């Protein structure tokens, strides 16, 4: 009940456009952090191919450049698809302003989680690579 009231107030008070802008901003930050993670992972593996063994069931112990590109490209495509899908879902229906706010809040939440995971990954690569200035 309270959640519905807060969403309705946000949608009608002009906060909806700020939430929409924040959804795009967090999407951009999530994709940028994913790119940074891809670069730092590649640098750490390329610079120390025999000293670093990944304990990753997806990439394997010594992943190739193609496998890295497929892995990070797939995650990036998933982030974009998630955000675009929610944006389209928020624009449909009778209560489109309310649905848009809810969809944008979901986008922000997911992008912040992705951002946190990627920043942690970049920090874990720090002993082996520069890590995009973090």
C-alpha atoms as a PDB file:
ATOM      1  CA  UNK A   1       0.000   0.000   0.000  1.00  0.00           C
ATOM      2  CA  UNK A   2       2.681   2.501   1.016  1.00  0.00           C
ATOM      3  CA  UNK A   3       4.814   1.461  -1.943  1.00  0.00           C
ATOM      4  CA  UNK A   4       1.898   2.128  -4.322  1.00  0.00           C
ATOM      5  CA  UNK A   5       1.341   5.565  -2.817  1.00  0.00           C
ATOM      6  CA  UNK A   6       5.031   6.469  -3.120  1.00  0.00           C
ATOM      7  CA  UNK A   7       5.140   5.325  -6.741  1.00  0.00           C
ATOM      8  CA  UNK A   8       1.977   7.275  -7.567  1.00  0.00           C
ATOM      9  CA  UNK A   9       3.376  10.436  -5.930  1.00  0.00           C
ATOM     10  CA  UNK A  10       6.698  10.047  -7.741  1.00  0.00           C
ATOM     11  CA  UNK A  11       4.969   9.497 -11.075  1.00  0.00           C
ATOM     12  CA  UNK A  12       2.737  12.536 -10.724  1.00  0.00           C
ATOM     13  CA  UNK A  13       5.182  14.994  -9.179  1.00  0.00           C
ATOM     14  CA  UNK A  14       7.816  15.174 -11.914  1.00  0.00           C
ATOM     15  CA  UNK A  15      10.130  12.748 -10.164  1.00  0.00           C
ATOM     16  CA  UNK A  16       9.398  10.272 -12.927  1.00  0.00           C
ATOM     17  CA  UNK A  17      11.683  12.078 -15.346  1.00  0.00           C
ATOM     18  CA  UNK A  18      14.476  12.184 -12.756  1.00  0.00           C
ATOM     19  CA  UNK A  19      14.072   8.456 -12.117  1.00  0.00           C
ATOM     20  CA  UNK A  20      14.122   7.834 -15.879  1.00  0.00           C
ATOM     21  CA  UNK A  21      17.360   9.812 -16.253  1.00  0.00           C
ATOM     22  CA  UNK A  22      18.851   7.944 -13.282  1.00  0.00           C
ATOM     23  CA  UNK A  23      17.961   4.628 -14.948  1.00  0.00           C
ATOM     24  CA  UNK A  24      19.900   5.620 -18.061  1.00  0.00           C
ATOM     25  CA  UNK A  25      22.812   6.922 -15.982  1.00  0.00           C
ATOM     26  CA  UNK A  26      23.116   3.701 -13.987  1.00  0.00           C
ATOM     27  CA  UNK A  27      22.876   1.671 -17.205  1.00  0.00           C
ATOM     28  CA  UNK A  28      25.785   3.644 -18.630  1.00  0.00           C
ATOM     29  CA  UNK A  29      27.818   3.187 -15.464  1.00  0.00           C
ATOM     30  CA  UNK A  30      27.094  -0.560 -15.394  1.00  0.00           C
ATOM     31  CA  UNK A  31      28.235  -0.971 -19.009  1.00  0.00           C
ATOM     32  CA  UNK A  32      31.322   1.178 -18.426  1.00  0.00           C
ATOM     33  CA  UNK A  33      32.275  -0.850 -15.356  1.00  0.00           C
ATOM     34  CA  UNK A  34      31.770  -4.057 -17.355  1.00  0.00           C
ATOM     35  CA  UNK A  35      34.131  -2.707 -20.015  1.00  0.00           C
ATOM     36  CA  UNK A  36      36.640  -1.787 -17.342  1.00  0.00           C
ATOM     37  CA  UNK A  37      36.406  -5.286 -15.883  1.00  0.00           C
ATOM     38  CA  UNK A  38      36.931  -6.793 -19.346  1.00  0.00           C
ATOM     39  CA  UNK A  39      40.058  -4.685 -19.910  1.00  0.00           C
ATOM     40  CA  UNK A  40      41.537  -5.377 -16.474  1.00  0.00           C
ATOM     41  CA  UNK A  41      40.793  -9.102 -16.754  1.00  0.00           C
ATOM     42  CA  UNK A  42      42.424  -9.227 -20.177  1.00  0.00           C
ATOM     43  CA  UNK A  43      45.465  -7.260 -18.976  1.00  0.00           C
ATOM     44  CA  UNK A  44      45.915  -9.450 -15.927  1.00  0.00           C
ATOM     45  CA  UNK A  45      45.632 -12.687 -17.915  1.00  0.00           C
ATOM     46  CA  UNK A  46      47.745 -11.491 -20.842  1.00  0.00           C
ATOM     47  CA  UNK A  47      50.452 -10.052 -18.598  1.00  0.00           C
ATOM     48  CA  UNK A  48      50.741 -13.146 -16.403  1.00  0.00           C
ATOM     49  CA  UNK A  49      49.531 -16.127 -18.458  1.00  0.00           C
ATOM     50  CA  UNK A  50      51.317 -18.803 -16.462  1.00  0.00           C
ATOM     51  CA  UNK A  51      51.041 -17.299 -12.980  1.00  0.00           C
ATOM     52  CA  UNK A  52      47.309 -16.733 -12.872  1.00  0.00           C
ATOM     53  CA  UNK A  53      44.867 -19.587 -12.910  1.00  0.00           C
ATOM     54  CA  UNK A  54      41.232 -18.658 -12.972  1.00  0.00           C
ATOM     55  CA  UNK A  55      38.935 -20.578 -10.667  1.00  0.00           C
ATOM     56  CA  UNK A  56      36.058 -19.808 -12.970  1.00  0.00           C
ATOM     57  CA  UNK A  57      33.829 -22.562 -14.310  1.00  0.00           C
ATOM     58  CA  UNK A  58      32.747 -20.377 -17.256  1.00  0.00           C
ATOM     59  CA  UNK A  59      36.060 -18.949 -18.481  1.00  0.00           C
ATOM     60  CA  UNK A  60      38.246 -21.904 -17.493  1.00  0.00           C
ATOM     61  CA  UNK A  61      41.766 -21.821 -16.049  1.00  0.00           C
ATOM     62  CA  UNK A  62      43.502 -20.128 -19.006  1.00  0.00           C
ATOM     63  CA  UNK A  63      40.796 -18.452 -21.129  1.00  0.00           C
ATOM     64  CA  UNK A  64      41.482 -17.354 -24.700  1.00  0.00           C
ATOM     65  CA  UNK A  65      40.827 -13.837 -25.964  1.00  0.00           C
ATOM     66  CA  UNK A  66      37.802 -15.143 -27.875  1.00  0.00           C
ATOM     67  CA  UNK A  67      36.334 -16.719 -24.769  1.00  0.00           C
ATOM     68  CA  UNK A  68      36.867 -13.481 -22.808  1.00  0.00           C
ATOM     69  CA  UNK A  69      35.194 -11.465 -25.578  1.00  0.00           C
ATOM     70  CA  UNK A  70      32.231 -13.842 -25.742  1.00  0.00           C
ATOM     71  CA  UNK A  71      31.859 -13.809 -21.950  1.00  0.00           C
ATOM     72  CA  UNK A  72      31.935 -10.039 -21.493  1.00  0.00           C
ATOM     73  CA  UNK A  73      30.010  -9.392 -24.727  1.00  0.00           C
ATOM     74  CA  UNK A  74      27.266 -11.740 -23.582  1.00  0.00           C
ATOM     75  CA  UNK A  75      26.980 -10.027 -20.222  1.00  0.00           C
ATOM     76  CA  UNK A  76      26.909  -6.610 -21.920  1.00  0.00           C
ATOM     77  CA  UNK A  77      24.187  -7.763 -24.303  1.00  0.00           C
ATOM     78  CA  UNK A  78      22.220  -9.093 -21.339  1.00  0.00           C
ATOM     79  CA  UNK A  79      22.491  -5.763 -19.495  1.00  0.00           C
ATOM     80  CA  UNK A  80      21.265  -3.851 -22.538  1.00  0.00           C
ATOM     81  CA  UNK A  81      18.450  -6.350 -23.195  1.00  0.00           C
ATOM     82  CA  UNK A  82      17.316  -6.190 -19.546  1.00  0.00           C
ATOM     83  CA  UNK A  83      17.230  -2.386 -19.587  1.00  0.00           C
ATOM     84  CA  UNK A  84      15.503  -2.114 -22.956  1.00  0.00           C
ATOM     85  CA  UNK A  85      12.981  -4.802 -22.058  1.00  0.00           C
ATOM     86  CA  UNK A  86      12.024  -3.050 -18.855  1.00  0.00           C
ATOM     87  CA  UNK A  87      11.829   0.295 -20.598  1.00  0.00           C
ATOM     88  CA  UNK A  88       9.474  -1.101 -23.230  1.00  0.00           C
ATOM     89  CA  UNK A  89       7.394  -2.839 -20.568  1.00  0.00           C
ATOM     90  CA  UNK A  90       7.103   0.427 -18.661  1.00  0.00           C
ATOM     91  CA  UNK A  91       5.754   2.271 -21.690  1.00  0.00           C
ATOM     92  CA  UNK A  92       2.814  -0.086 -22.268  1.00  0.00           C
ATOM     93  CA  UNK A  93      -0.545  -0.181 -20.559  1.00  0.00           C
ATOM     94  CA  UNK A  94      -3.128   2.161 -19.126  1.00  0.00           C
ATOM     95  CA  UNK A  95      -1.057   3.362 -16.204  1.00  0.00           C
ATOM     96  CA  UNK A  96       2.061   3.995 -18.253  1.00  0.00           C
ATOM     97  CA  UNK A  97       3.517   6.683 -15.971  1.00  0.00           C
ATOM     98  CA  UNK A  98       3.288   4.434 -12.924  1.00  0.00           C
ATOM     99  CA  UNK A  99       4.571   1.411 -14.839  1.00  0.00           C
ATOM    100  CA  UNK A 100       7.449   3.489 -16.192  1.00  0.00           C
ATOM    101  CA  UNK A 101       8.548   4.497 -12.694  1.00  0.00           C
ATOM    102  CA  UNK A 102       8.422   0.890 -11.471  1.00  0.00           C
ATOM    103  CA  UNK A 103      10.363  -0.318 -14.518  1.00  0.00           C
ATOM    104  CA  UNK A 104      12.968   2.418 -14.059  1.00  0.00           C
ATOM    105  CA  UNK A 105      13.358   1.548 -10.370  1.00  0.00           C
ATOM    106  CA  UNK A 106      13.988  -2.097 -11.337  1.00  0.00           C
ATOM    107  CA  UNK A 107      16.526  -0.931 -13.920  1.00  0.00           C
ATOM    108  CA  UNK A 108      18.326   1.189 -11.341  1.00  0.00           C
ATOM    109  CA  UNK A 109      18.414  -1.640  -8.794  1.00  0.00           C
ATOM    110  CA  UNK A 110      19.793  -4.170 -11.279  1.00  0.00           C
ATOM    111  CA  UNK A 111      22.359  -1.731 -12.668  1.00  0.00           C
ATOM    112  CA  UNK A 112      23.616  -0.818  -9.204  1.00  0.00           C
ATOM    113  CA  UNK A 113      24.096  -4.518  -8.398  1.00  0.00           C
ATOM    114  CA  UNK A 114      26.005  -5.036 -11.668  1.00  0.00           C
ATOM    115  CA  UNK A 115      28.085  -1.940 -10.959  1.00  0.00           C
ATOM    116  CA  UNK A 116      29.026  -3.219  -7.493  1.00  0.00           C
ATOM    117  CA  UNK A 117      29.974  -6.672  -8.817  1.00  0.00           C
ATOM    118  CA  UNK A 118      32.102  -5.204 -11.601  1.00  0.00           C
ATOM    119  CA  UNK A 119      33.904  -2.756  -9.317  1.00  0.00           C
ATOM    120  CA  UNK A 120      34.702  -5.652  -6.976  1.00  0.00           C
ATOM    121  CA  UNK A 121      36.044  -7.657  -9.930  1.00  0.00           C
ATOM    122  CA  UNK A 122      38.233  -4.776 -11.075  1.00  0.00           C
ATOM    123  CA  UNK A 123      39.603  -4.388  -7.545  1.00  0.00           C
ATOM    124  CA  UNK A 124      40.401  -8.125  -7.473  1.00  0.00           C
ATOM    125  CA  UNK A 125      42.408  -7.679 -10.695  1.00  0.00           C
ATOM    126  CA  UNK A 126      44.314  -4.726  -9.206  1.00  0.00           C
ATOM    127  CA  UNK A 127      47.507  -6.662  -8.296  1.00  0.00           C
ATOM    128  CA  UNK A 128      47.896  -7.718 -11.942  1.00  0.00           C
ATOM    129  CA  UNK A 129      46.486  -4.795 -13.971  1.00  0.00           C
ATOM    130  CA  UNK A 130      45.865  -1.062 -13.618  1.00  0.00           C
ATOM    131  CA  UNK A 131      42.082  -1.389 -13.485  1.00  0.00           C
ATOM    132  CA  UNK A 132      40.821   1.755 -15.224  1.00  0.00           C
ATOM    133  CA  UNK A 133      42.024   4.137 -12.545  1.00  0.00           C
ATOM    134  CA  UNK A 134      40.118   2.611  -9.629  1.00  0.00           C
END
